[in-house]
C-alpha atoms as a PDB file:
ATOM      1  CA  MET A   1     -25.215  48.081 -30.915  1.00  0.00           C
ATOM      2  CA  PHE A   2     -21.963  47.626 -28.917  1.00  0.00           C
ATOM      3  CA  ILE A   3     -23.051  50.023 -26.211  1.00  0.00           C
ATOM      4  CA  SER A   4     -26.212  48.169 -25.356  1.00  0.00           C
ATOM      5  CA  SER A   5     -24.349  44.895 -24.819  1.00  0.00           C
ATOM      6  CA  ALA A   6     -21.873  46.680 -22.514  1.00  0.00           C
ATOM      7  CA  PHE A   7     -24.704  48.010 -20.353  1.00  0.00           C
ATOM      8  CA  ALA A   8     -26.170  44.542 -20.143  1.00  0.00           C
ATOM      9  CA  GLN A   9     -23.198  43.165 -18.245  1.00  0.00           C
ATOM     10  CA  THR A  10     -23.487  43.008 -14.500  1.00  0.00           C
ATOM     11  CA  ALA A  11     -21.004  44.525 -12.110  1.00  0.00           C
ATOM     12  CA  PRO A  12     -18.871  42.130 -10.056  1.00  0.00           C
ATOM     13  CA  ALA A  13     -20.038  41.552  -6.523  1.00  0.00           C
ATOM     14  CA  ALA A  14     -18.122  43.441  -3.832  1.00  0.00           C
ATOM     15  CA  GLY A  15     -16.579  41.140  -1.284  1.00  0.00           C
ATOM     16  CA  GLY A  16     -13.898  40.935   1.370  1.00  0.00           C
ATOM     17  CA  GLY A  17     -11.657  38.769  -0.840  1.00  0.00           C
ATOM     18  CA  ASP A  18     -10.534  41.777  -2.902  1.00  0.00           C
ATOM     19  CA  MET A  19      -8.512  43.206  -0.028  1.00  0.00           C
ATOM     20  CA  LEU A  20      -6.719  39.938   0.555  1.00  0.00           C
ATOM     21  CA  SER A  21      -5.937  39.427  -3.122  1.00  0.00           C
ATOM     22  CA  SER A  22      -4.546  42.970  -3.468  1.00  0.00           C
ATOM     23  CA  LEU A  23      -2.199  42.367  -0.530  1.00  0.00           C
ATOM     24  CA  GLY A  24      -1.145  39.075  -2.076  1.00  0.00           C
ATOM     25  CA  SER A  25      -0.334  40.776  -5.362  1.00  0.00           C
ATOM     26  CA  MET A  26       1.760  43.465  -3.617  1.00  0.00           C
ATOM     27  CA  LEU A  27       3.727  40.955  -1.548  1.00  0.00           C
ATOM     28  CA  PRO A  28       6.269  40.056  -4.288  1.00  0.00           C
ATOM     29  CA  LEU A  29       6.949  43.753  -4.924  1.00  0.00           C
ATOM     30  CA  VAL A  30       7.545  44.453  -1.234  1.00  0.00           C
ATOM     31  CA  LEU A  31       9.684  41.337  -0.920  1.00  0.00           C
ATOM     32  CA  MET A  32      11.845  42.405  -3.906  1.00  0.00           C
ATOM     33  CA  PHE A  33      12.400  45.841  -2.345  1.00  0.00           C
ATOM     34  CA  VAL A  34      13.458  44.288   0.981  1.00  0.00           C
ATOM     35  CA  VAL A  35      15.926  41.973  -0.772  1.00  0.00           C
ATOM     36  CA  LEU A  36      17.259  44.878  -2.879  1.00  0.00           C
ATOM     37  CA  TYR A  37      17.793  46.936   0.272  1.00  0.00           C
ATOM     38  CA  PHE A  38      19.804  44.234   2.063  1.00  0.00           C
ATOM     39  CA  VAL A  39      21.789  43.140  -1.011  1.00  0.00           C
ATOM     40  CA  MET A  40      22.634  46.473  -2.663  1.00  0.00           C
ATOM     41  CA  ILE A  41      21.648  49.621  -0.769  1.00  0.00           C
ATOM     42  CA  ARG A  42      22.768  48.784   2.783  1.00  0.00           C
ATOM     43  CA  PRO A  43      26.295  47.537   1.873  1.00  0.00           C
ATOM     44  CA  GLN A  44      26.851  50.602  -0.350  1.00  0.00           C
ATOM     45  CA  MET A  45      25.881  52.933   2.484  1.00  0.00           C
ATOM     46  CA  LYS A  46      28.260  51.066   4.812  1.00  0.00           C
ATOM     47  CA  ARG A  47      31.163  51.455   2.342  1.00  0.00           C
ATOM     48  CA  GLN A  48      30.446  55.186   1.969  1.00  0.00           C
ATOM     49  CA  LYS A  49      30.432  55.614   5.734  1.00  0.00           C
ATOM     50  CA  GLU A  50      33.784  53.800   6.074  1.00  0.00           C
ATOM     51  CA  ALA A  51      35.335  55.885   3.265  1.00  0.00           C
ATOM     52  CA  ARG A  52      34.120  59.122   4.842  1.00  0.00           C
ATOM     53  CA  ALA A  53      35.585  58.093   8.215  1.00  0.00           C
ATOM     54  CA  MET A  54      38.912  57.190   6.580  1.00  0.00           C
ATOM     55  CA  ILE A  55      39.137  60.573   4.805  1.00  0.00           C
ATOM     56  CA  GLU A  56      38.293  62.478   7.992  1.00  0.00           C
ATOM     57  CA  ALA A  57      40.944  60.535   9.960  1.00  0.00           C
ATOM     58  CA  LEU A  58      43.827  61.414   7.603  1.00  0.00           C
ATOM     59  CA  ALA A  59      46.807  62.876   9.428  1.00  0.00           C
ATOM     60  CA  LYS A  60      50.135  64.410   8.535  1.00  0.00           C
ATOM     61  CA  GLY A  61      52.710  61.686   7.867  1.00  0.00           C
ATOM     62  CA  ASP A  62      50.206  59.060   6.649  1.00  0.00           C
ATOM     63  CA  GLU A  63      51.159  57.211   3.488  1.00  0.00           C
ATOM     64  CA  VAL A  64      48.250  57.051   1.048  1.00  0.00           C
ATOM     65  CA  ALA A  65      47.234  55.902  -2.420  1.00  0.00           C
ATOM     66  CA  THR A  66      45.042  58.146  -4.576  1.00  0.00           C
ATOM     67  CA  SER A  67      42.410  57.186  -7.122  1.00  0.00           C
ATOM     68  CA  GLY A  68      44.853  58.175  -9.871  1.00  0.00           C
ATOM     69  CA  GLY A  69      47.396  55.644  -8.625  1.00  0.00           C
ATOM     70  CA  MET A  70      49.852  58.057  -6.988  1.00  0.00           C
ATOM     71  CA  LEU A  71      51.508  56.976  -3.765  1.00  0.00           C
ATOM     72  CA  GLY A  72      52.826  59.519  -1.336  1.00  0.00           C
ATOM     73  CA  LYS A  73      53.179  60.838   2.179  1.00  0.00           C
ATOM     74  CA  ILE A  74      50.869  63.568   3.475  1.00  0.00           C
ATOM     75  CA  THR A  75      52.844  66.723   4.269  1.00  0.00           C
ATOM     76  CA  SER A  76      50.007  69.227   4.781  1.00  0.00           C
ATOM     77  CA  ILE A  77      46.268  69.001   5.332  1.00  0.00           C
ATOM     78  CA  GLY A  78      43.609  71.543   4.400  1.00  0.00           C
ATOM     79  CA  ASP A  79      39.824  71.433   4.378  1.00  0.00           C
ATOM     80  CA  GLN A  80      39.556  70.111   0.823  1.00  0.00           C
ATOM     81  CA  TYR A  81      43.148  69.540  -0.300  1.00  0.00           C
ATOM     82  CA  LEU A  82      46.187  67.582   0.865  1.00  0.00           C
ATOM     83  CA  GLY A  83      49.860  68.209   0.236  1.00  0.00           C
ATOM     84  CA  LEU A  84      51.278  64.889  -0.949  1.00  0.00           C
ATOM     85  CA  GLU A  85      55.023  64.281  -1.228  1.00  0.00           C
ATOM     86  CA  ILE A  86      55.469  61.805  -4.092  1.00  0.00           C
ATOM     87  CA  ALA A  87      59.300  62.007  -4.259  1.00  0.00           C
ATOM     88  CA  ASN A  88      62.055  63.800  -2.356  1.00  0.00           C
ATOM     89  CA  GLY A  89      61.305  67.507  -2.726  1.00  0.00           C
ATOM     90  CA  VAL A  90      58.293  66.949  -5.036  1.00  0.00           C
ATOM     91  CA  GLU A  91      54.950  67.896  -3.504  1.00  0.00           C
ATOM     92  CA  VAL A  92      51.577  67.937  -5.242  1.00  0.00           C
ATOM     93  CA  LYS A  93      48.163  69.042  -4.079  1.00  0.00           C
ATOM     94  CA  VAL A  94      45.313  66.543  -4.358  1.00  0.00           C
ATOM     95  CA  GLN A  95      41.717  66.574  -3.228  1.00  0.00           C
ATOM     96  CA  ARG A  96      40.953  64.760   0.007  1.00  0.00           C
ATOM     97  CA  SER A  97      38.255  62.743  -1.747  1.00  0.00           C
ATOM     98  CA  SER A  98      40.809  61.299  -4.183  1.00  0.00           C
ATOM     99  CA  VAL A  99      42.466  59.284  -1.394  1.00  0.00           C
ATOM    100  CA  VAL A 100      41.254  55.692  -1.647  1.00  0.00           C
ATOM    101  CA  GLN A 101      43.564  53.861   0.748  1.00  0.00           C
ATOM    102  CA  VAL A 102      45.795  54.522   3.716  1.00  0.00           C
ATOM    103  CA  LEU A 103      48.926  52.389   3.384  1.00  0.00           C
ATOM    104  CA  PRO A 104      50.859  50.843   6.280  1.00  0.00           C
ATOM    105  CA  LYS A 105      53.845  52.831   7.554  1.00  0.00           C
ATOM    106  CA  GLY A 106      56.976  52.154   5.504  1.00  0.00           C
ATOM    107  CA  ALA A 107      55.118  50.922   2.403  1.00  0.00           C
ATOM    108  CA  ILE A 108      56.633  53.698   0.290  1.00  0.00           C
ATOM    109  CA  LYS A 109      60.421  53.659   0.070  1.00  0.00           C
END
């Protein structure tokens, strides 16, 4: 009963308008991705690149702030760790990646 009425329907005519309508329906999706790239992804990649360059440029004697809030002067540099003097005669080891800011000379007294 239901099957016979389904067979009775005709198939839609194939035409060139289907290609154009499918591109039109994909346009908002592509446009959203482009906006997302320029608003979120590209600035984040730029910040990561700047942070990586700052960490690679660390030198002995630089005054830095860590992600934990410690301020100190770099006394030794290794591949992954830094020696950070946080007070006279007090040196701690921190990971290079924990440095978030290089302070101007003389900021720590």
